[in-house]
């Protein structure tokens, strides 16, 4: 129950500040808009009026080696990376809660391996370690495929494209029955610019909180004290949280050598 309540708190970060409306694109050429650090600062204030723009490492000013127009390229990269990782973190946060509450598919992962067996391995990290090597390779391979397809969006997010927008499979020449991953239900097609701007702010804020949340879960599972999570029934994990493979994957090249350097 406590985990479920914590999951619901992610919606609390949608601010009520007035949004700065960006001009709507009227044609393909107008859709290409190179954002600047000033745009990044304005968006930061929309997301959190109290904190505002916070960039202690100066990432927004980096990238001079990219040459002319580097500012907009860096901003596009940072915006896209944050949205993408926020989405992954939101899925991971919910997935961690689901797996921690012994919820799993009632059928078999493989012919001789029920999902129940994987779920019985322990917490979410232990469940990942318990997956067969073939299953891990399929997951990692599919992620790599999505990453490659995401870079084929036109215009590219570092060249004036929309940060966080994922191209449809058909748009990049891949025949597929799946709908657009960017808007699978087609909800944004008829949304007003105001609604889209508000949704963007909510997504960024929820993604930021989810990134903190999933790292809190992982840290607590490793024995660290995380305020607000130390009283939750998070199962301890003795493995290496940053390693994609474990001892059961020693048949793969270099995995045994990699495991030698784990603390």
Protein backbone atom coordinates (compact mmCIF):
# COMPACT_ATOMS: atom_id res chain seq x y z
CA UNK A 1 0.00 0.00 0.00
CA UNK A 2 2.81 2.41 0.89
CA UNK A 3 4.46 1.80 -2.47
CA UNK A 4 1.20 2.47 -4.26
CA UNK A 5 0.74 5.76 -2.42
CA UNK A 6 4.28 6.76 -3.30
CA UNK A 7 3.64 6.00 -6.95
CA UNK A 8 0.58 8.23 -6.94
CA UNK A 9 2.61 11.18 -5.67
CA UNK A 10 4.27 11.64 -9.07
CA UNK A 11 1.28 13.67 -10.25
CA UNK A 12 1.93 16.31 -7.62
CA UNK A 13 4.66 18.00 -9.63
CA UNK A 14 2.46 19.54 -12.33
CA UNK A 15 2.72 23.31 -11.58
CA UNK A 16 0.00 25.90 -12.02
CA UNK A 17 2.27 28.60 -13.39
CA UNK A 18 1.26 30.35 -16.59
CA UNK A 19 2.84 28.64 -19.55
CA UNK A 20 4.78 30.46 -22.23
CA UNK A 21 3.05 29.57 -25.47
CA UNK A 22 5.32 28.84 -28.38
CA UNK A 23 4.12 29.66 -31.87
CA UNK A 24 2.39 26.73 -33.56
CA UNK A 25 3.93 25.36 -36.73
CA UNK A 26 1.84 25.93 -39.83
CA UNK A 27 3.95 23.92 -42.26
CA UNK A 28 6.89 21.53 -42.41
CA UNK A 29 9.42 24.35 -42.60
CA UNK A 30 7.97 26.15 -39.60
CA UNK A 31 8.21 22.93 -37.55
CA UNK A 32 12.01 23.27 -37.59
CA UNK A 33 12.75 25.54 -34.67
CA UNK A 34 16.21 25.70 -33.13
CA UNK A 35 15.90 26.16 -29.37
CA UNK A 36 18.39 28.21 -27.38
CA UNK A 37 19.54 28.39 -23.77
CA UNK A 38 16.98 31.16 -23.28
CA UNK A 39 14.24 28.70 -24.27
CA UNK A 40 15.71 26.20 -21.82
CA UNK A 41 15.64 28.79 -19.04
CA UNK A 42 12.01 29.69 -19.81
CA UNK A 43 10.98 26.03 -19.78
CA UNK A 44 12.79 25.51 -16.48
CA UNK A 45 10.72 28.27 -14.88
CA UNK A 46 7.54 26.73 -16.25
CA UNK A 47 8.46 23.36 -14.76
CA UNK A 48 9.50 24.73 -11.38
CA UNK A 49 8.95 28.45 -10.75
CA UNK A 50 10.70 28.23 -7.36
CA UNK A 51 13.91 26.55 -8.54
CA UNK A 52 14.03 27.98 -12.05
CA UNK A 53 17.01 27.24 -14.28
CA UNK A 54 19.60 25.09 -12.50
CA UNK A 55 22.67 23.94 -14.43
CA UNK A 56 25.62 23.67 -12.00
CA UNK A 57 27.75 21.73 -14.50
CA UNK A 58 27.20 24.24 -17.29
CA UNK A 59 25.94 21.57 -19.69
CA UNK A 60 23.80 24.03 -21.63
CA UNK A 61 26.91 26.04 -22.53
CA UNK A 62 29.01 23.03 -23.52
CA UNK A 63 29.56 21.58 -26.96
CA UNK A 64 31.60 24.31 -28.63
CA UNK A 65 33.49 21.58 -30.46
CA UNK A 66 30.31 21.04 -32.51
CA UNK A 67 31.01 24.28 -34.34
CA UNK A 68 28.54 26.92 -35.51
CA UNK A 69 25.10 26.60 -34.00
CA UNK A 70 26.36 24.36 -31.19
CA UNK A 71 24.04 25.98 -28.63
CA UNK A 72 20.83 24.76 -30.25
CA UNK A 73 22.33 21.32 -30.86
CA UNK A 74 23.28 20.94 -27.20
CA UNK A 75 19.91 22.21 -26.00
CA UNK A 76 18.13 19.79 -28.35
CA UNK A 77 20.26 16.91 -27.08
CA UNK A 78 19.67 17.78 -23.40
CA UNK A 79 15.93 18.23 -23.89
CA UNK A 80 15.56 14.95 -25.77
CA UNK A 81 17.72 13.03 -23.28
CA UNK A 82 15.77 14.28 -20.27
CA UNK A 83 12.37 13.47 -21.77
CA UNK A 84 13.49 10.03 -22.91
CA UNK A 85 15.10 9.09 -19.60
CA UNK A 86 12.12 10.49 -17.71
CA UNK A 87 9.80 8.20 -19.67
CA UNK A 88 12.04 5.20 -19.01
CA UNK A 89 12.18 6.09 -15.31
CA UNK A 90 8.39 6.38 -15.08
CA UNK A 91 8.03 2.90 -16.58
CA UNK A 92 10.78 1.58 -14.29
CA UNK A 93 9.19 3.14 -11.21
CA UNK A 94 5.83 1.54 -11.90
CA UNK A 95 7.50 -1.73 -12.89
CA UNK A 96 9.48 -1.83 -9.66
CA UNK A 97 6.28 -1.44 -7.64
CA UNK A 98 4.49 -4.13 -9.64
CA UNK A 99 7.34 -6.62 -9.36
CA UNK A 100 7.82 -5.87 -5.65
CA UNK A 101 4.18 -6.78 -5.01
CA UNK A 102 4.49 -10.27 -6.52
CA UNK A 103 2.47 -9.42 -9.63
CA UNK A 104 3.47 -11.41 -12.70
CA UNK A 105 2.07 -13.08 -15.82
CA UNK A 106 0.37 -16.44 -15.16
CA UNK A 107 2.04 -18.20 -18.11
CA UNK A 108 5.57 -19.32 -18.95
CA UNK A 109 8.41 -17.06 -20.02
CA UNK A 110 9.88 -20.05 -21.81
CA UNK A 111 8.67 -23.61 -22.23
CA UNK A 112 10.16 -24.77 -18.93
CA UNK A 113 10.34 -21.45 -17.06
CA UNK A 114 7.17 -19.96 -15.52
CA UNK A 115 7.07 -16.26 -14.69
CA UNK A 116 6.27 -17.36 -11.15
CA UNK A 117 9.76 -18.84 -10.84
CA UNK A 118 11.35 -15.56 -11.91
CA UNK A 119 9.13 -13.62 -9.50
CA UNK A 120 10.19 -15.89 -6.65
CA UNK A 121 13.85 -14.94 -7.12
CA UNK A 122 13.44 -11.86 -4.89
CA UNK A 123 13.16 -8.15 -5.64
CA UNK A 124 13.10 -6.63 -9.14
CA UNK A 125 16.90 -6.63 -9.47
CA UNK A 126 17.11 -10.29 -8.45
CA UNK A 127 14.35 -11.06 -10.93
CA UNK A 128 16.42 -9.48 -13.70
CA UNK A 129 19.42 -11.59 -12.69
CA UNK A 130 17.19 -14.68 -12.79
CA UNK A 131 16.20 -14.13 -16.42
CA UNK A 132 17.79 -16.46 -18.96
CA UNK A 133 20.60 -14.95 -20.99
CA UNK A 134 18.52 -15.23 -24.15
CA UNK A 135 15.74 -13.15 -22.60
CA UNK A 136 18.18 -10.44 -21.53
CA UNK A 137 19.71 -10.28 -25.01
CA UNK A 138 16.26 -9.95 -26.58
CA UNK A 139 15.36 -7.07 -24.27
CA UNK A 140 18.66 -5.26 -24.76
CA UNK A 141 18.52 -5.86 -28.52
CA UNK A 142 15.00 -4.43 -28.76
CA UNK A 143 16.10 -1.36 -26.78
CA UNK A 144 19.00 -0.91 -29.19
CA UNK A 145 16.63 -1.15 -32.14
CA UNK A 146 14.36 1.53 -30.67
CA UNK A 147 17.38 3.76 -30.06
CA UNK A 148 18.50 3.39 -33.66
CA UNK A 149 15.03 4.11 -35.04
CA UNK A 150 14.66 7.10 -32.73
CA UNK A 151 17.70 8.72 -34.30
CA UNK A 152 16.08 8.56 -37.74
CA UNK A 153 13.38 11.09 -36.96
CA UNK A 154 13.27 14.06 -39.34
CA UNK A 155 14.06 16.73 -38.57
CA UNK A 156 16.51 15.41 -35.97
CA UNK A 157 16.05 16.73 -32.42
CA UNK A 158 19.50 18.35 -32.64
CA UNK A 159 18.53 20.07 -35.90
CA UNK A 160 15.28 21.72 -34.93
CA UNK A 161 13.14 18.61 -34.48
CA UNK A 162 10.80 18.08 -31.55
CA UNK A 163 12.67 16.75 -28.49
CA UNK A 164 11.11 13.53 -27.24
CA UNK A 165 9.22 12.84 -30.46
CA UNK A 166 9.64 9.29 -31.71
CA UNK A 167 9.06 8.62 -35.41
CA UNK A 168 6.48 6.08 -36.51
CA UNK A 169 7.95 2.84 -37.81
CA UNK A 170 6.47 3.46 -41.26
CA UNK A 171 8.11 6.91 -41.41
CA UNK A 172 11.59 5.38 -41.22
CA UNK A 173 10.89 2.59 -43.70
CA UNK A 174 10.16 -0.22 -41.25
CA UNK A 175 6.90 -2.05 -42.01
CA UNK A 176 5.19 -2.70 -38.71
CA UNK A 177 1.68 -3.04 -37.32
CA UNK A 178 2.49 -1.11 -34.14
CA UNK A 179 1.08 2.43 -33.78
CA UNK A 180 3.23 5.50 -33.28
CA UNK A 181 5.16 5.18 -30.01
CA UNK A 182 5.07 8.96 -29.63
CA UNK A 183 1.26 9.13 -29.63
CA UNK A 184 -0.14 5.57 -29.88
CA UNK A 185 -3.70 6.59 -29.01
CA UNK A 186 -3.68 9.68 -31.23
CA UNK A 187 -4.62 11.90 -28.30
CA UNK A 188 -2.31 14.79 -29.16
CA UNK A 189 -3.51 15.23 -32.75
CA UNK A 190 -6.55 17.27 -31.71
CA UNK A 191 -5.09 18.77 -28.54
CA UNK A 192 -4.76 22.55 -28.36
CA UNK A 193 -1.29 24.15 -28.11
CA UNK A 194 -2.11 25.14 -24.52
CA UNK A 195 -2.94 21.56 -23.58
CA UNK A 196 0.19 20.25 -25.26
CA UNK A 197 2.37 22.79 -23.42
CA UNK A 198 0.80 21.90 -20.08
CA UNK A 199 1.21 18.18 -20.79
CA UNK A 200 4.88 18.69 -21.65
CA UNK A 201 5.56 20.40 -18.33
CA UNK A 202 3.71 17.65 -16.43
CA UNK A 203 5.64 14.93 -18.27
CA UNK A 204 9.02 16.53 -17.59
CA UNK A 205 8.25 17.02 -13.90
CA UNK A 206 6.86 13.52 -13.45
CA UNK A 207 9.86 12.11 -15.29
CA UNK A 208 12.25 13.97 -13.02
CA UNK A 209 10.49 12.69 -9.92
CA UNK A 210 10.44 9.15 -11.36
CA UNK A 211 14.22 9.29 -11.93
CA UNK A 212 14.69 10.23 -8.29
CA UNK A 213 12.19 7.58 -7.25
CA UNK A 214 13.70 4.63 -9.12
CA UNK A 215 17.20 5.53 -7.91
CA UNK A 216 15.78 5.74 -4.39
CA UNK A 217 14.35 2.23 -4.72
CA UNK A 218 17.66 0.88 -6.01
CA UNK A 219 19.69 2.68 -3.33
CA UNK A 220 17.40 1.45 -0.56
CA UNK A 221 17.70 -2.12 -1.87
CA UNK A 222 21.48 -1.83 -1.49
CA UNK A 223 21.23 -0.88 2.18
CA UNK A 224 21.42 2.90 1.91
CA UNK A 225 19.01 4.97 3.97
CA UNK A 226 16.68 6.92 1.70
CA UNK A 227 14.35 9.31 3.58
CA UNK A 228 10.75 8.41 2.86
CA UNK A 229 11.66 4.95 1.59
CA UNK A 230 13.49 3.46 4.57
CA UNK A 231 10.19 2.29 6.07
CA UNK A 232 8.96 0.59 2.87
CA UNK A 233 9.21 -3.19 2.46
CA UNK A 234 11.93 -3.02 -0.20
CA UNK A 235 13.77 -6.32 -0.54
CA UNK A 236 17.58 -6.11 -0.21
CA UNK A 237 19.72 -6.87 -3.24
CA UNK A 238 23.25 -8.26 -3.00
CA UNK A 239 24.15 -8.03 -6.69
CA UNK A 240 25.56 -5.25 -8.87
CA UNK A 241 22.78 -2.86 -9.82
CA UNK A 242 24.70 -1.25 -12.67
CA UNK A 243 25.66 -4.51 -14.39
CA UNK A 244 23.44 -5.75 -17.22
CA UNK A 245 24.71 -9.32 -16.75
CA UNK A 246 25.33 -11.61 -13.80
CA UNK A 247 27.05 -14.94 -13.14
CA UNK A 248 24.31 -16.84 -14.99
CA UNK A 249 25.42 -15.06 -18.18
CA UNK A 250 29.05 -16.21 -18.00
CA UNK A 251 28.67 -17.95 -21.37
CA UNK A 252 28.80 -14.52 -23.00
CA UNK A 253 32.18 -13.03 -23.96
CA UNK A 254 33.86 -10.82 -21.35
CA UNK A 255 31.12 -11.30 -18.73
CA UNK A 256 33.34 -13.39 -16.43
CA UNK A 257 36.07 -10.77 -16.68
CA UNK A 258 33.55 -8.00 -15.99
CA UNK A 259 32.32 -9.74 -12.86
CA UNK A 260 35.86 -9.78 -11.45
CA UNK A 261 35.81 -5.99 -11.12
CA UNK A 262 32.46 -5.76 -9.32
CA UNK A 263 32.55 -4.84 -5.68
